[in-house]
Protein backbone atom coordinates (compact mmCIF):
# COMPACT_ATOMS: atom_id res chain seq x y z
CA MET A 1 -0.08 -0.07 0.00
CA ILE A 2 2.76 2.44 0.79
CA ASP A 3 4.43 1.85 -2.48
CA ASP A 4 1.20 2.28 -4.34
CA VAL A 5 0.50 5.68 -2.45
CA GLU A 6 4.13 6.83 -3.17
CA SER A 7 4.02 5.74 -6.96
CA MET A 8 1.12 8.36 -7.30
CA GLY A 9 3.32 11.11 -5.89
CA TYR A 10 1.77 11.16 -2.45
CA THR A 11 3.52 10.83 1.05
CA LEU A 12 1.60 8.77 3.58
CA VAL A 13 1.53 10.34 7.10
CA ASN A 14 0.35 9.06 10.31
CA TRP A 15 0.81 10.17 13.80
CA THR A 16 3.05 8.41 16.37
CA VAL A 17 1.29 9.67 19.43
CA ASP A 18 -2.48 9.60 20.05
CA PRO A 19 -3.52 10.87 23.48
CA GLN A 20 -7.05 10.01 22.50
CA ASP A 21 -8.31 13.42 23.19
CA TRP A 22 -11.45 12.53 21.15
CA ARG A 23 -12.54 10.62 24.14
CA HIS A 24 -12.56 13.90 26.17
CA PRO A 25 -10.24 13.18 29.03
CA ARG A 26 -9.32 16.03 31.29
CA ALA A 27 -6.56 18.29 30.01
CA ARG A 28 -4.21 16.89 32.65
CA VAL A 29 -4.65 13.37 31.12
CA ILE A 30 -4.02 14.56 27.59
CA LEU A 31 -0.79 16.15 28.88
CA LYS A 32 0.40 12.94 30.51
CA ARG A 33 -0.29 10.86 27.53
CA VAL A 34 1.70 13.39 25.23
CA GLU A 35 4.60 13.47 27.84
CA HIS A 36 5.09 9.80 27.21
CA ALA A 37 6.16 10.68 23.71
CA ASN A 38 9.77 11.61 24.89
CA GLY A 39 11.24 10.40 21.77
CA LYS A 40 12.74 12.29 19.02
CA SER A 41 10.35 13.38 16.12
CA ALA A 42 6.80 12.54 17.44
CA ILE A 43 3.81 13.47 15.41
CA VAL A 44 1.18 14.15 17.87
CA LEU A 45 -2.54 13.84 16.82
CA LEU A 46 -4.72 16.45 18.46
CA HIS A 47 -8.18 17.53 17.54
CA ASP A 48 -8.51 21.34 17.35
CA GLY A 49 -11.70 21.73 19.35
CA LEU A 50 -13.04 24.11 16.67
CA ASN A 51 -16.57 23.28 17.24
CA ARG A 52 -16.62 23.91 20.96
CA SER A 53 -20.33 25.07 20.93
CA ALA A 54 -21.37 21.57 19.73
CA ASP A 55 -18.76 19.87 21.76
CA PRO A 56 -17.52 21.63 24.81
CA LYS A 57 -15.42 18.80 26.06
CA GLN A 58 -13.08 19.38 23.32
CA GLU A 59 -11.82 22.51 25.21
CA ASN A 60 -9.83 20.04 27.18
CA THR A 61 -7.56 19.69 24.22
CA VAL A 62 -7.17 23.25 23.72
CA ALA A 63 -6.33 23.84 27.41
CA ALA A 64 -3.79 20.97 27.33
CA LEU A 65 -1.90 22.28 24.36
CA GLU A 66 -0.46 25.26 25.93
CA GLU A 67 1.12 22.96 28.54
CA ILE A 68 2.26 20.55 25.97
CA ILE A 69 4.06 23.38 24.00
CA SER A 70 5.63 24.69 27.16
CA ASP A 71 6.73 21.25 28.19
CA PHE A 72 8.32 20.48 24.77
CA LYS A 73 10.14 23.90 24.70
CA LEU A 74 11.58 23.08 28.13
CA LYS A 75 12.91 19.78 26.82
CA ASN A 76 14.38 21.79 23.95
CA TYR A 77 12.09 20.08 21.39
CA SER A 78 11.41 22.18 18.29
CA PHE A 79 8.25 22.41 16.15
CA VAL A 80 8.45 21.81 12.48
CA THR A 81 6.26 21.04 9.44
CA ILE A 82 5.53 17.58 8.17
CA PRO A 83 7.70 18.24 5.13
CA GLN A 84 10.66 19.42 7.29
CA LEU A 85 10.25 16.49 9.41
CA LEU A 86 10.25 14.04 6.58
CA SER A 87 13.32 15.63 5.10
CA ASP A 88 15.22 14.39 8.00
CA PRO A 89 16.87 11.13 6.69
CA ASP A 90 16.99 9.37 9.93
CA PHE A 91 13.41 10.11 10.75
CA ALA A 92 12.12 9.28 7.24
CA LYS A 93 13.93 5.87 7.37
CA ASP A 94 12.68 5.03 10.88
CA TYR A 95 8.96 6.40 10.16
CA ARG A 96 8.91 4.23 6.95
CA GLN A 97 10.01 1.16 9.07
CA LEU A 98 7.20 1.84 11.43
CA PHE A 99 4.75 1.96 8.60
CA ARG A 100 6.04 -1.31 7.18
CA ALA A 101 5.44 -3.00 10.69
CA VAL A 102 1.87 -2.00 10.47
CA LYS A 103 -0.35 -4.81 9.14
CA VAL A 104 -2.34 -3.72 6.15
CA PRO A 105 -5.41 -5.87 5.13
CA ALA A 106 -4.72 -7.75 1.94
CA LYS A 107 -6.43 -6.45 -1.22
CA PRO A 108 -9.89 -8.03 -1.50
CA SER A 109 -10.20 -10.96 -3.94
CA ARG A 110 -12.65 -10.26 -6.89
């Protein structure tokens, strides 16, 4: 599947850390789950809470983000775009191996 996507000129991108903020845990829980991503080059999946009027619990994600950014800065992490991250040869190699380790369902038979 990865080769098929890349042959069409696309780059497959997935997260490496999912704090499951869509389940609406408290901000502190989201922060703790992200703190466990203490490795280099994490891609953290967070939902933006844009529609807070329909789902006010998503404000926990917004509240956690300020602490997450402060925590990462204290650890001397930097914030980069996905293209910048994928241009790092070490990260790109490790990330591709991670995708290869994920089991992809076989193509359905016809």
